[in-house]
Amino acid sequence: MGVVVVTGAAGRIGTAVLPLLPEVWQVKATDLTAAGGVAPLDVTDRKACASVIVGHFS
């Protein structure tokens, strides 16, 4: 099973890509602000990125 963190999931590319990912993958959708199943994540915040990755993959 694949695991992927999608940054910018609420944007134009993210919203186009998310439905194309295999349903068997674990997907963590993120963007600067939370909205409709998208978790907030500022990719310039190194600690926040680490916590999302560690929390999602452990």
PDB file of N, CA and C in Angstrom:
ATOM      1  N   MET A   1       0.842  -1.173   0.000  1.00  0.00           N
ATOM      2  CA  MET A   1       0.000   0.000   0.000  1.00  0.00           C
ATOM      3  C   MET A   1       0.887   1.235   0.000  1.00  0.00           C
ATOM      4  N   GLY A   2       0.546   2.217  -0.811  1.00  0.00           N
ATOM      5  CA  GLY A   2       1.311   3.454  -0.875  1.00  0.00           C
ATOM      6  C   GLY A   2       0.801   4.479   0.114  1.00  0.00           C
ATOM      7  N   VAL A   3       1.681   5.383   0.483  1.00  0.00           N
ATOM      8  CA  VAL A   3       1.343   6.478   1.386  1.00  0.00           C
ATOM      9  C   VAL A   3       1.855   7.756   0.753  1.00  0.00           C
ATOM     10  N   VAL A   4       1.037   8.815   0.766  1.00  0.00           N
ATOM     11  CA  VAL A   4       1.448  10.073   0.151  1.00  0.00           C
ATOM     12  C   VAL A   4       0.892  11.245   0.949  1.00  0.00           C
ATOM     13  N   VAL A   5       1.718  12.300   1.091  1.00  0.00           N
ATOM     14  CA  VAL A   5       1.275  13.559   1.664  1.00  0.00           C
ATOM     15  C   VAL A   5       1.186  14.535   0.493  1.00  0.00           C
ATOM     16  N   VAL A   6      -0.001  15.071   0.264  1.00  0.00           N
ATOM     17  CA  VAL A   6      -0.209  16.016  -0.831  1.00  0.00           C
ATOM     18  C   VAL A   6      -0.242  17.415  -0.244  1.00  0.00           C
ATOM     19  N   THR A   7       0.738  18.239  -0.624  1.00  0.00           N
ATOM     20  CA  THR A   7       0.742  19.635  -0.191  1.00  0.00           C
ATOM     21  C   THR A   7       0.017  20.449  -1.259  1.00  0.00           C
ATOM     22  N   GLY A   8      -0.644  21.501  -0.821  1.00  0.00           N
ATOM     23  CA  GLY A   8      -1.412  22.300  -1.777  1.00  0.00           C
ATOM     24  C   GLY A   8      -2.652  21.566  -2.259  1.00  0.00           C
ATOM     25  N   ALA A   9      -3.197  20.705  -1.422  1.00  0.00           N
ATOM     26  CA  ALA A   9      -4.313  19.851  -1.828  1.00  0.00           C
ATOM     27  C   ALA A   9      -5.586  20.620  -2.153  1.00  0.00           C
ATOM     28  N   ALA A  10      -5.735  21.819  -1.613  1.00  0.00           N
ATOM     29  CA  ALA A  10      -6.935  22.615  -1.879  1.00  0.00           C
ATOM     30  C   ALA A  10      -6.776  23.497  -3.118  1.00  0.00           C
ATOM     31  N   GLY A  11      -5.601  23.492  -3.712  1.00  0.00           N
ATOM     32  CA  GLY A  11      -5.351  24.318  -4.889  1.00  0.00           C
ATOM     33  C   GLY A  11      -5.777  23.651  -6.181  1.00  0.00           C
ATOM     34  N   ARG A  12      -5.483  24.302  -7.269  1.00  0.00           N
ATOM     35  CA  ARG A  12      -5.898  23.822  -8.596  1.00  0.00           C
ATOM     36  C   ARG A  12      -5.301  22.454  -8.923  1.00  0.00           C
ATOM     37  N   ILE A  13      -4.014  22.293  -8.738  1.00  0.00           N
ATOM     38  CA  ILE A  13      -3.368  21.010  -9.062  1.00  0.00           C
ATOM     39  C   ILE A  13      -3.751  19.942  -8.042  1.00  0.00           C
ATOM     40  N   GLY A  14      -3.740  20.304  -6.765  1.00  0.00           N
ATOM     41  CA  GLY A  14      -4.087  19.341  -5.720  1.00  0.00           C
ATOM     42  C   GLY A  14      -5.481  18.767  -5.892  1.00  0.00           C
ATOM     43  N   THR A  15      -6.455  19.625  -6.191  1.00  0.00           N
ATOM     44  CA  THR A  15      -7.824  19.140  -6.365  1.00  0.00           C
ATOM     45  C   THR A  15      -7.964  18.290  -7.619  1.00  0.00           C
ATOM     46  N   ALA A  16      -7.091  18.493  -8.583  1.00  0.00           N
ATOM     47  CA  ALA A  16      -7.121  17.663  -9.795  1.00  0.00           C
ATOM     48  C   ALA A  16      -6.441  16.317  -9.559  1.00  0.00           C
ATOM     49  N   VAL A  17      -5.398  16.305  -8.721  1.00  0.00           N
ATOM     50  CA  VAL A  17      -4.617  15.084  -8.491  1.00  0.00           C
ATOM     51  C   VAL A  17      -5.274  14.142  -7.485  1.00  0.00           C
ATOM     52  N   LEU A  18      -5.831  14.687  -6.422  1.00  0.00           N
ATOM     53  CA  LEU A  18      -6.380  13.847  -5.348  1.00  0.00           C
ATOM     54  C   LEU A  18      -7.340  12.758  -5.840  1.00  0.00           C
ATOM     55  N   PRO A  19      -8.299  13.069  -6.708  1.00  0.00           N
ATOM     56  CA  PRO A  19      -9.223  12.012  -7.142  1.00  0.00           C
ATOM     57  C   PRO A  19      -8.564  10.927  -8.003  1.00  0.00           C
ATOM     58  N   LEU A  20      -7.374  11.200  -8.509  1.00  0.00           N
ATOM     59  CA  LEU A  20      -6.687  10.241  -9.376  1.00  0.00           C
ATOM     60  C   LEU A  20      -5.815   9.250  -8.604  1.00  0.00           C
ATOM     61  N   LEU A  21      -5.589   9.520  -7.323  1.00  0.00           N
ATOM     62  CA  LEU A  21      -4.744   8.634  -6.521  1.00  0.00           C
ATOM     63  C   LEU A  21      -5.493   7.339  -6.213  1.00  0.00           C
ATOM     64  N   PRO A  22      -4.785   6.231  -6.237  1.00  0.00           N
ATOM     65  CA  PRO A  22      -5.432   4.945  -5.952  1.00  0.00           C
ATOM     66  C   PRO A  22      -6.090   4.942  -4.568  1.00  0.00           C
ATOM     67  N   GLU A  23      -7.275   4.353  -4.482  1.00  0.00           N
ATOM     68  CA  GLU A  23      -8.012   4.319  -3.216  1.00  0.00           C
ATOM     69  C   GLU A  23      -7.296   3.517  -2.135  1.00  0.00           C
ATOM     70  N   VAL A  24      -6.415   2.626  -2.536  1.00  0.00           N
ATOM     71  CA  VAL A  24      -5.700   1.814  -1.540  1.00  0.00           C
ATOM     72  C   VAL A  24      -4.561   2.591  -0.874  1.00  0.00           C
ATOM     73  N   TRP A  25      -4.211   3.750  -1.408  1.00  0.00           N
ATOM     74  CA  TRP A  25      -3.162   4.568  -0.807  1.00  0.00           C
ATOM     75  C   TRP A  25      -3.705   5.288   0.418  1.00  0.00           C
ATOM     76  N   GLN A  26      -2.841   5.491   1.396  1.00  0.00           N
ATOM     77  CA  GLN A  26      -3.161   6.367   2.524  1.00  0.00           C
ATOM     78  C   GLN A  26      -2.768   7.768   2.076  1.00  0.00           C
ATOM     79  N   VAL A  27      -3.727   8.683   2.054  1.00  0.00           N
ATOM     80  CA  VAL A  27      -3.465  10.041   1.570  1.00  0.00           C
ATOM     81  C   VAL A  27      -3.689  11.031   2.708  1.00  0.00           C
ATOM     82  N   LYS A  28      -2.710  11.899   2.912  1.00  0.00           N
ATOM     83  CA  LYS A  28      -2.826  13.004   3.864  1.00  0.00           C
ATOM     84  C   LYS A  28      -2.835  14.274   3.022  1.00  0.00           C
ATOM     85  N   ALA A  29      -4.011  14.876   2.870  1.00  0.00           N
ATOM     86  CA  ALA A  29      -4.155  16.097   2.076  1.00  0.00           C
ATOM     87  C   ALA A  29      -3.899  17.305   2.967  1.00  0.00           C
ATOM     88  N   THR A  30      -3.009  18.205   2.532  1.00  0.00           N
ATOM     89  CA  THR A  30      -2.657  19.387   3.328  1.00  0.00           C
ATOM     90  C   THR A  30      -2.655  20.644   2.465  1.00  0.00           C
ATOM     91  N   ASP A  31      -2.843  21.776   3.127  1.00  0.00           N
ATOM     92  CA  ASP A  31      -2.748  23.082   2.475  1.00  0.00           C
ATOM     93  C   ASP A  31      -2.500  24.108   3.575  1.00  0.00           C
ATOM     94  N   LEU A  32      -2.309  25.354   3.202  1.00  0.00           N
ATOM     95  CA  LEU A  32      -2.048  26.386   4.211  1.00  0.00           C
ATOM     96  C   LEU A  32      -3.181  26.519   5.214  1.00  0.00           C
ATOM     97  N   THR A  33      -4.409  26.347   4.762  1.00  0.00           N
ATOM     98  CA  THR A  33      -5.563  26.426   5.658  1.00  0.00           C
ATOM     99  C   THR A  33      -6.401  25.161   5.522  1.00  0.00           C
ATOM    100  N   ALA A  34      -7.018  24.766   6.626  1.00  0.00           N
ATOM    101  CA  ALA A  34      -7.858  23.571   6.633  1.00  0.00           C
ATOM    102  C   ALA A  34      -9.173  23.868   5.918  1.00  0.00           C
ATOM    103  N   ALA A  35      -9.645  22.889   5.155  1.00  0.00           N
ATOM    104  CA  ALA A  35     -10.934  23.021   4.476  1.00  0.00           C
ATOM    105  C   ALA A  35     -11.363  21.673   3.936  1.00  0.00           C
ATOM    106  N   GLY A  36     -12.545  21.235   4.293  1.00  0.00           N
ATOM    107  CA  GLY A  36     -13.150  20.040   3.715  1.00  0.00           C
ATOM    108  C   GLY A  36     -12.248  18.825   3.595  1.00  0.00           C
ATOM    109  N   GLY A  37     -11.719  18.342   4.689  1.00  0.00           N
ATOM    110  CA  GLY A  37     -10.877  17.154   4.666  1.00  0.00           C
ATOM    111  C   GLY A  37      -9.411  17.426   4.377  1.00  0.00           C
ATOM    112  N   VAL A  38      -9.059  18.684   4.256  1.00  0.00           N
ATOM    113  CA  VAL A  38      -7.667  19.076   4.019  1.00  0.00           C
ATOM    114  C   VAL A  38      -7.109  19.633   5.324  1.00  0.00           C
ATOM    115  N   ALA A  39      -6.007  19.048   5.788  1.00  0.00           N
ATOM    116  CA  ALA A  39      -5.389  19.474   7.043  1.00  0.00           C
ATOM    117  C   ALA A  39      -4.496  20.689   6.818  1.00  0.00           C
ATOM    118  N   PRO A  40      -4.413  21.584   7.799  1.00  0.00           N
ATOM    119  CA  PRO A  40      -3.544  22.749   7.645  1.00  0.00           C
ATOM    120  C   PRO A  40      -2.068  22.360   7.772  1.00  0.00           C
ATOM    121  N   LEU A  41      -1.251  22.902   6.882  1.00  0.00           N
ATOM    122  CA  LEU A  41       0.196  22.675   6.956  1.00  0.00           C
ATOM    123  C   LEU A  41       0.914  23.780   6.195  1.00  0.00           C
ATOM    124  N   ASP A  42       1.825  24.453   6.879  1.00  0.00           N
ATOM    125  CA  ASP A  42       2.704  25.447   6.256  1.00  0.00           C
ATOM    126  C   ASP A  42       4.017  24.738   5.950  1.00  0.00           C
ATOM    127  N   VAL A  43       4.294  24.505   4.675  1.00  0.00           N
ATOM    128  CA  VAL A  43       5.488  23.731   4.308  1.00  0.00           C
ATOM    129  C   VAL A  43       6.787  24.468   4.600  1.00  0.00           C
ATOM    130  N   THR A  44       6.709  25.744   4.981  1.00  0.00           N
ATOM    131  CA  THR A  44       7.920  26.456   5.381  1.00  0.00           C
ATOM    132  C   THR A  44       8.238  26.230   6.857  1.00  0.00           C
ATOM    133  N   ASP A  45       7.340  25.553   7.563  1.00  0.00           N
ATOM    134  CA  ASP A  45       7.533  25.236   8.982  1.00  0.00           C
ATOM    135  C   ASP A  45       8.062  23.805   9.085  1.00  0.00           C
ATOM    136  N   ARG A  46       9.360  23.706   9.273  1.00  0.00           N
ATOM    137  CA  ARG A  46      10.029  22.402   9.270  1.00  0.00           C
ATOM    138  C   ARG A  46       9.480  21.452  10.336  1.00  0.00           C
ATOM    139  N   LYS A  47       9.217  21.966  11.526  1.00  0.00           N
ATOM    140  CA  LYS A  47       8.690  21.122  12.606  1.00  0.00           C
ATOM    141  C   LYS A  47       7.282  20.624  12.287  1.00  0.00           C
ATOM    142  N   ALA A  48       6.466  21.481  11.711  1.00  0.00           N
ATOM    143  CA  ALA A  48       5.105  21.071  11.344  1.00  0.00           C
ATOM    144  C   ALA A  48       5.147  19.979  10.276  1.00  0.00           C
ATOM    145  N   CYS A  49       6.026  20.118   9.306  1.00  0.00           N
ATOM    146  CA  CYS A  49       6.164  19.098   8.261  1.00  0.00           C
ATOM    147  C   CYS A  49       6.619  17.771   8.854  1.00  0.00           C
ATOM    148  N   ALA A  50       7.584  17.835   9.742  1.00  0.00           N
ATOM    149  CA  ALA A  50       8.087  16.614  10.370  1.00  0.00           C
ATOM    150  C   ALA A  50       6.990  15.923  11.158  1.00  0.00           C
ATOM    151  N   SER A  51       6.171  16.691  11.864  1.00  0.00           N
ATOM    152  CA  SER A  51       5.112  16.073  12.675  1.00  0.00           C
ATOM    153  C   SER A  51       4.053  15.422  11.793  1.00  0.00           C
ATOM    154  N   VAL A  52       3.747  16.012  10.662  1.00  0.00           N
ATOM    155  CA  VAL A  52       2.772  15.405   9.744  1.00  0.00           C
ATOM    156  C   VAL A  52       3.330  14.122   9.164  1.00  0.00           C
ATOM    157  N   ILE A  53       4.573  14.149   8.760  1.00  0.00           N
ATOM    158  CA  ILE A  53       5.179  12.957   8.146  1.00  0.00           C
ATOM    159  C   ILE A  53       5.356  11.847   9.177  1.00  0.00           C
ATOM    160  N   VAL A  54       5.899  12.174  10.326  1.00  0.00           N
ATOM    161  CA  VAL A  54       6.107  11.157  11.356  1.00  0.00           C
ATOM    162  C   VAL A  54       4.758  10.621  11.826  1.00  0.00           C
ATOM    163  N   GLY A  55       3.792  11.491  12.068  1.00  0.00           N
ATOM    164  CA  GLY A  55       2.486  11.068  12.534  1.00  0.00           C
ATOM    165  C   GLY A  55       1.737  10.229  11.524  1.00  0.00           C
ATOM    166  N   HIS A  56       1.962  10.488  10.251  1.00  0.00           N
ATOM    167  CA  HIS A  56       1.228   9.781   9.208  1.00  0.00           C
ATOM    168  C   HIS A  56       1.875   8.447   8.861  1.00  0.00           C
ATOM    169  N   PHE A  57       3.175   8.361   8.950  1.00  0.00           N
ATOM    170  CA  PHE A  57       3.878   7.164   8.503  1.00  0.00           C
ATOM    171  C   PHE A  57       4.217   6.207   9.634  1.00  0.00           C
ATOM    172  N   SER A  58       3.922   6.585  10.872  1.00  0.00           N
ATOM    173  CA  SER A  58       4.291   5.677  11.973  1.00  0.00           C
ATOM    174  C   SER A  58       3.168   4.716  12.298  1.00  0.00           C
TER     175      SER A  58
END
